[in-house]
Structures are given as C-alpha cells and as structure tokens.
C-alpha cells in the first residue's frame, strides 16, 4: 500500500528519499571493516565517517521536523564535525541498523507534513542569501548532502576494488 503524501512540494522529493533508503544497503554491501576505515592517501574521509554522516543527516532532519529521536552517535557527526582518526566510529552494522531505525519514522513524517508547515521559517545556518531558511529548504539541503555522500561512497567502492553499487531494490523497504 502506497503512503499518501500531503505536501505537493514533497511529491517530487519522496521518491528520491525512498531510493536513497534503498541504496544505503547497496552502497555499503560487502564492504569489510578494514576497508571501511581506509582513507585514500590519508586524505579522504573513510566509509564509516561518510555512512555515519548519512545517518546523522536523517536524524538531524527528523529532529528539525519535530520527531523525538536523536542520533545516538551525534558526538561523532553532528554540526559538520570533521573526521577524527583518534575516534572509534560505530561499525557498518550499527550504522545500517540506525539508518533503518530513523528512516521509516522520517519517511512517515515527510509524508504527513503540509505545504504550510514546510514554508514556516527554520534556521538552516548556511547563511546563503539566495536560500530562504524554512523547513522545505532544510529538507532540500539534507537531500543534497545525502546525494553528495552517496557519490563519495560510490567512488570509494571503486577505489577500494569493489564492484559498482547496484540499484537492486528490496521490496521490504517501503520508506
């Protein structure tokens, strides 16, 4: 059964959200824990950090939209914290579990928010004069961040010798 989307603004966004919910498993498929901590030439972020940032982005948006859930690993990722090689980041299984914990809740919130609510002021903190700071643009910024991180993860898969990410869909993931 398809969930009805209340906001006309989000009818174009929800399919992208759902696709990324699916692709999270695919982009991390078969990555071992050693490779998950690898930094190319000691300069790139590692896969654990990128995956944790994806999870944190969903928790950030959930909190912005009024959900009570908080990222249990916010100390590692919130407020654009840079990778710290001295930290012991959560492993991929933990991050996958967290992704699938927050994603359905956020999905249902996104489906039930109204256009009027989306246009209410919300401070994004970007300071870009051409971006109106409201909930709608906060969602857009979050999805943009996700897209960027998925691209980075896809590139890291190839650099580390893994096959390209597959676009296989899992019918059990409906968020």
C-alpha atoms as a PDB file:
ATOM      1  CA  UNK A   1       0.000   0.000   0.000  1.00  0.00           C
ATOM      2  CA  UNK A   2       1.422   3.363  -1.054  1.00  0.00           C
ATOM      3  CA  UNK A   3       1.524   6.112   1.567  1.00  0.00           C
ATOM      4  CA  UNK A   4      -0.317   9.312   0.615  1.00  0.00           C
ATOM      5  CA  UNK A   5       1.859  12.421   0.517  1.00  0.00           C
ATOM      6  CA  UNK A   6       0.114  15.528   1.887  1.00  0.00           C
ATOM      7  CA  UNK A   7       2.532  18.122   0.537  1.00  0.00           C
ATOM      8  CA  UNK A   8       2.573  18.940  -3.150  1.00  0.00           C
ATOM      9  CA  UNK A   9       6.120  20.251  -2.640  1.00  0.00           C
ATOM     10  CA  UNK A  10       7.353  16.875  -1.434  1.00  0.00           C
ATOM     11  CA  UNK A  11       5.752  14.707  -4.109  1.00  0.00           C
ATOM     12  CA  UNK A  12       8.922  15.148  -6.151  1.00  0.00           C
ATOM     13  CA  UNK A  13      11.212  14.634  -3.134  1.00  0.00           C
ATOM     14  CA  UNK A  14       9.719  11.490  -1.579  1.00  0.00           C
ATOM     15  CA  UNK A  15      10.771   9.150  -4.441  1.00  0.00           C
ATOM     16  CA  UNK A  16      14.388  10.334  -4.101  1.00  0.00           C
ATOM     17  CA  UNK A  17      14.191   9.839  -0.332  1.00  0.00           C
ATOM     18  CA  UNK A  18      12.860   6.294  -0.804  1.00  0.00           C
ATOM     19  CA  UNK A  19      15.527   5.484  -3.390  1.00  0.00           C
ATOM     20  CA  UNK A  20      18.280   6.543  -1.007  1.00  0.00           C
ATOM     21  CA  UNK A  21      16.703   4.485   1.764  1.00  0.00           C
ATOM     22  CA  UNK A  22      17.165   1.523  -0.586  1.00  0.00           C
ATOM     23  CA  UNK A  23      20.629   2.460  -1.833  1.00  0.00           C
ATOM     24  CA  UNK A  24      22.158   2.743   1.644  1.00  0.00           C
ATOM     25  CA  UNK A  25      22.373  -1.056   1.861  1.00  0.00           C
ATOM     26  CA  UNK A  26      23.672  -1.320  -1.695  1.00  0.00           C
ATOM     27  CA  UNK A  27      26.412   1.273  -1.361  1.00  0.00           C
ATOM     28  CA  UNK A  28      27.711  -0.461   1.768  1.00  0.00           C
ATOM     29  CA  UNK A  29      27.236  -4.044   0.514  1.00  0.00           C
ATOM     30  CA  UNK A  30      30.241  -6.320   1.050  1.00  0.00           C
ATOM     31  CA  UNK A  31      32.471  -3.549   2.469  1.00  0.00           C
ATOM     32  CA  UNK A  32      34.669  -5.099   5.147  1.00  0.00           C
ATOM     33  CA  UNK A  33      35.517  -3.275   8.364  1.00  0.00           C
ATOM     34  CA  UNK A  34      39.168  -2.758   7.409  1.00  0.00           C
ATOM     35  CA  UNK A  35      38.231  -1.087   4.129  1.00  0.00           C
ATOM     36  CA  UNK A  36      35.500   0.879   5.893  1.00  0.00           C
ATOM     37  CA  UNK A  37      38.268   2.698   7.809  1.00  0.00           C
ATOM     38  CA  UNK A  38      40.582   3.219   4.827  1.00  0.00           C
ATOM     39  CA  UNK A  39      41.485   6.767   3.789  1.00  0.00           C
ATOM     40  CA  UNK A  40      42.887   7.216   0.295  1.00  0.00           C
ATOM     41  CA  UNK A  41      46.372   8.701   0.660  1.00  0.00           C
ATOM     42  CA  UNK A  42      45.413   9.598   4.229  1.00  0.00           C
ATOM     43  CA  UNK A  43      43.376  12.489   2.853  1.00  0.00           C
ATOM     44  CA  UNK A  44      39.818  11.298   2.235  1.00  0.00           C
ATOM     45  CA  UNK A  45      37.090  10.631   4.723  1.00  0.00           C
ATOM     46  CA  UNK A  46      36.589   6.942   5.323  1.00  0.00           C
ATOM     47  CA  UNK A  47      33.439   4.970   4.620  1.00  0.00           C
ATOM     48  CA  UNK A  48      32.438   4.749   8.306  1.00  0.00           C
ATOM     49  CA  UNK A  49      32.550   8.521   8.617  1.00  0.00           C
ATOM     50  CA  UNK A  50      30.527   9.006   5.410  1.00  0.00           C
ATOM     51  CA  UNK A  51      27.924   6.420   6.386  1.00  0.00           C
ATOM     52  CA  UNK A  52      27.678   7.944   9.861  1.00  0.00           C
ATOM     53  CA  UNK A  53      27.132  11.366   8.313  1.00  0.00           C
ATOM     54  CA  UNK A  54      24.295   9.978   6.212  1.00  0.00           C
ATOM     55  CA  UNK A  55      22.636   8.563   9.314  1.00  0.00           C
ATOM     56  CA  UNK A  56      23.231  11.818  11.191  1.00  0.00           C
ATOM     57  CA  UNK A  57      21.671  13.803   8.354  1.00  0.00           C
ATOM     58  CA  UNK A  58      18.446  11.823   8.656  1.00  0.00           C
ATOM     59  CA  UNK A  59      18.408  12.246  12.429  1.00  0.00           C
ATOM     60  CA  UNK A  60      19.047  15.983  12.021  1.00  0.00           C
ATOM     61  CA  UNK A  61      16.091  16.324   9.666  1.00  0.00           C
ATOM     62  CA  UNK A  62      13.894  14.188  11.913  1.00  0.00           C
ATOM     63  CA  UNK A  63      14.702  16.439  14.857  1.00  0.00           C
ATOM     64  CA  UNK A  64      14.109  19.576  12.771  1.00  0.00           C
ATOM     65  CA  UNK A  65      10.672  18.262  11.822  1.00  0.00           C
ATOM     66  CA  UNK A  66       9.785  17.591  15.456  1.00  0.00           C
ATOM     67  CA  UNK A  67      10.439  13.884  15.885  1.00  0.00           C
ATOM     68  CA  UNK A  68      11.805  12.965  19.328  1.00  0.00           C
ATOM     69  CA  UNK A  69      14.504  10.595  18.025  1.00  0.00           C
ATOM     70  CA  UNK A  70      18.131  11.653  18.473  1.00  0.00           C
ATOM     71  CA  UNK A  71      21.244  10.281  16.813  1.00  0.00           C
ATOM     72  CA  UNK A  72      22.976   8.063  19.385  1.00  0.00           C
ATOM     73  CA  UNK A  73      26.267   8.870  17.630  1.00  0.00           C
ATOM     74  CA  UNK A  74      25.809  12.625  17.312  1.00  0.00           C
ATOM     75  CA  UNK A  75      29.069  13.204  19.200  1.00  0.00           C
ATOM     76  CA  UNK A  76      30.902  11.826  16.154  1.00  0.00           C
ATOM     77  CA  UNK A  77      28.969  13.560  13.389  1.00  0.00           C
ATOM     78  CA  UNK A  78      26.749  16.474  14.394  1.00  0.00           C
ATOM     79  CA  UNK A  79      27.405  20.054  13.384  1.00  0.00           C
ATOM     80  CA  UNK A  80      29.671  19.072  10.485  1.00  0.00           C
ATOM     81  CA  UNK A  81      32.383  17.529  12.666  1.00  0.00           C
ATOM     82  CA  UNK A  82      35.416  16.560  10.654  1.00  0.00           C
ATOM     83  CA  UNK A  83      36.783  13.023  10.655  1.00  0.00           C
ATOM     84  CA  UNK A  84      38.959  12.380  13.687  1.00  0.00           C
ATOM     85  CA  UNK A  85      41.308   9.416  13.249  1.00  0.00           C
ATOM     86  CA  UNK A  86      41.575   9.054  17.037  1.00  0.00           C
ATOM     87  CA  UNK A  87      37.893   8.173  17.410  1.00  0.00           C
ATOM     88  CA  UNK A  88      36.459   4.674  17.276  1.00  0.00           C
ATOM     89  CA  UNK A  89      33.492   5.178  14.937  1.00  0.00           C
ATOM     90  CA  UNK A  90      30.454   2.879  15.030  1.00  0.00           C
ATOM     91  CA  UNK A  91      30.757  -0.092  12.689  1.00  0.00           C
ATOM     92  CA  UNK A  92      28.750  -0.568   9.498  1.00  0.00           C
ATOM     93  CA  UNK A  93      26.214  -2.925  11.080  1.00  0.00           C
ATOM     94  CA  UNK A  94      25.404  -0.381  13.778  1.00  0.00           C
ATOM     95  CA  UNK A  95      25.106   2.404  11.208  1.00  0.00           C
ATOM     96  CA  UNK A  96      22.849   0.284   8.969  1.00  0.00           C
ATOM     97  CA  UNK A  97      20.638  -0.504  11.955  1.00  0.00           C
ATOM     98  CA  UNK A  98      20.412   3.192  12.855  1.00  0.00           C
ATOM     99  CA  UNK A  99      19.623   4.130   9.241  1.00  0.00           C
ATOM    100  CA  UNK A 100      16.716   1.699   9.194  1.00  0.00           C
ATOM    101  CA  UNK A 101      15.615   2.851  12.644  1.00  0.00           C
ATOM    102  CA  UNK A 102      15.204   6.535  11.761  1.00  0.00           C
ATOM    103  CA  UNK A 103      14.384   6.337   8.039  1.00  0.00           C
ATOM    104  CA  UNK A 104      10.822   4.923   8.284  1.00  0.00           C
ATOM    105  CA  UNK A 105       9.906   7.404  11.007  1.00  0.00           C
ATOM    106  CA  UNK A 106      11.231  10.306   8.974  1.00  0.00           C
ATOM    107  CA  UNK A 107       9.509   8.979   5.846  1.00  0.00           C
ATOM    108  CA  UNK A 108       6.097   8.996   7.533  1.00  0.00           C
ATOM    109  CA  UNK A 109       6.757  12.468   8.911  1.00  0.00           C
ATOM    110  CA  UNK A 110       7.667  13.720   5.438  1.00  0.00           C
ATOM    111  CA  UNK A 111       4.511  12.155   4.005  1.00  0.00           C
ATOM    112  CA  UNK A 112       2.347  13.898   6.592  1.00  0.00           C
ATOM    113  CA  UNK A 113       3.816  17.390   6.664  1.00  0.00           C
ATOM    114  CA  UNK A 114       1.787  20.071   4.894  1.00  0.00           C
ATOM    115  CA  UNK A 115       2.895  22.736   2.442  1.00  0.00           C
ATOM    116  CA  UNK A 116       2.047  25.378   5.033  1.00  0.00           C
ATOM    117  CA  UNK A 117       4.289  23.746   7.624  1.00  0.00           C
ATOM    118  CA  UNK A 118       7.146  23.429   5.120  1.00  0.00           C
ATOM    119  CA  UNK A 119       7.113  27.149   4.397  1.00  0.00           C
ATOM    120  CA  UNK A 120       7.472  28.091   8.071  1.00  0.00           C
ATOM    121  CA  UNK A 121      10.810  29.679   8.977  1.00  0.00           C
ATOM    122  CA  UNK A 122      13.557  27.321  10.078  1.00  0.00           C
ATOM    123  CA  UNK A 123      17.173  28.354  10.505  1.00  0.00           C
ATOM    124  CA  UNK A 124      19.399  26.176   8.362  1.00  0.00           C
ATOM    125  CA  UNK A 125      22.563  28.041   9.295  1.00  0.00           C
ATOM    126  CA  UNK A 126      24.038  28.182   5.795  1.00  0.00           C
ATOM    127  CA  UNK A 127      23.979  31.966   5.556  1.00  0.00           C
ATOM    128  CA  UNK A 128      23.254  31.828   1.822  1.00  0.00           C
ATOM    129  CA  UNK A 129      21.224  34.926   0.924  1.00  0.00           C
ATOM    130  CA  UNK A 130      19.576  33.145  -2.007  1.00  0.00           C
ATOM    131  CA  UNK A 131      18.180  30.293   0.117  1.00  0.00           C
ATOM    132  CA  UNK A 132      15.061  31.054   2.117  1.00  0.00           C
ATOM    133  CA  UNK A 133      15.513  29.440   5.505  1.00  0.00           C
ATOM    134  CA  UNK A 134      12.442  27.279   6.004  1.00  0.00           C
ATOM    135  CA  UNK A 135      11.629  23.616   6.518  1.00  0.00           C
ATOM    136  CA  UNK A 136      11.262  22.939   2.800  1.00  0.00           C
ATOM    137  CA  UNK A 137      14.774  24.149   2.060  1.00  0.00           C
ATOM    138  CA  UNK A 138      16.133  22.300   5.104  1.00  0.00           C
ATOM    139  CA  UNK A 139      14.794  19.110   3.514  1.00  0.00           C
ATOM    140  CA  UNK A 140      16.417  20.093   0.228  1.00  0.00           C
ATOM    141  CA  UNK A 141      19.762  20.750   1.900  1.00  0.00           C
ATOM    142  CA  UNK A 142      19.606  17.396   3.679  1.00  0.00           C
ATOM    143  CA  UNK A 143      18.834  15.523   0.464  1.00  0.00           C
ATOM    144  CA  UNK A 144      21.638  17.383  -1.292  1.00  0.00           C
ATOM    145  CA  UNK A 145      24.032  16.282   1.446  1.00  0.00           C
ATOM    146  CA  UNK A 146      22.848  12.701   1.075  1.00  0.00           C
ATOM    147  CA  UNK A 147      23.407  12.809  -2.678  1.00  0.00           C
ATOM    148  CA  UNK A 148      26.945  14.118  -2.175  1.00  0.00           C
ATOM    149  CA  UNK A 149      27.795  11.402   0.350  1.00  0.00           C
ATOM    150  CA  UNK A 150      26.326   8.639  -1.818  1.00  0.00           C
ATOM    151  CA  UNK A 151      28.552   9.808  -4.669  1.00  0.00           C
ATOM    152  CA  UNK A 152      31.586   9.759  -2.388  1.00  0.00           C
ATOM    153  CA  UNK A 153      30.717   6.270  -1.144  1.00  0.00           C
ATOM    154  CA  UNK A 154      30.229   5.022  -4.687  1.00  0.00           C
ATOM    155  CA  UNK A 155      33.645   6.363  -5.638  1.00  0.00           C
ATOM    156  CA  UNK A 156      35.263   4.797  -2.548  1.00  0.00           C
ATOM    157  CA  UNK A 157      33.771   1.413  -3.517  1.00  0.00           C
ATOM    158  CA  UNK A 158      35.554   1.568  -6.866  1.00  0.00           C
ATOM    159  CA  UNK A 159      38.823   2.946  -5.448  1.00  0.00           C
ATOM    160  CA  UNK A 160      38.915   0.095  -2.923  1.00  0.00           C
ATOM    161  CA  UNK A 161      38.327  -2.533  -5.634  1.00  0.00           C
ATOM    162  CA  UNK A 162      34.654  -3.273  -5.002  1.00  0.00           C
ATOM    163  CA  UNK A 163      32.065  -3.610  -7.744  1.00  0.00           C
ATOM    164  CA  UNK A 164      29.969  -0.560  -8.503  1.00  0.00           C
ATOM    165  CA  UNK A 165      26.907  -0.048  -6.346  1.00  0.00           C
ATOM    166  CA  UNK A 166      23.892  -1.998  -7.581  1.00  0.00           C
ATOM    167  CA  UNK A 167      20.462  -0.459  -7.942  1.00  0.00           C
ATOM    168  CA  UNK A 168      18.669  -3.614  -6.829  1.00  0.00           C
ATOM    169  CA  UNK A 169      15.567  -2.775  -4.829  1.00  0.00           C
ATOM    170  CA  UNK A 170      14.355  -4.529  -1.710  1.00  0.00           C
ATOM    171  CA  UNK A 171      10.538  -4.686  -1.650  1.00  0.00           C
ATOM    172  CA  UNK A 172      10.572  -4.991   2.152  1.00  0.00           C
ATOM    173  CA  UNK A 173      11.927  -1.420   2.420  1.00  0.00           C
ATOM    174  CA  UNK A 174       8.898   0.790   1.769  1.00  0.00           C
ATOM    175  CA  UNK A 175      10.282   4.010   3.199  1.00  0.00           C
END
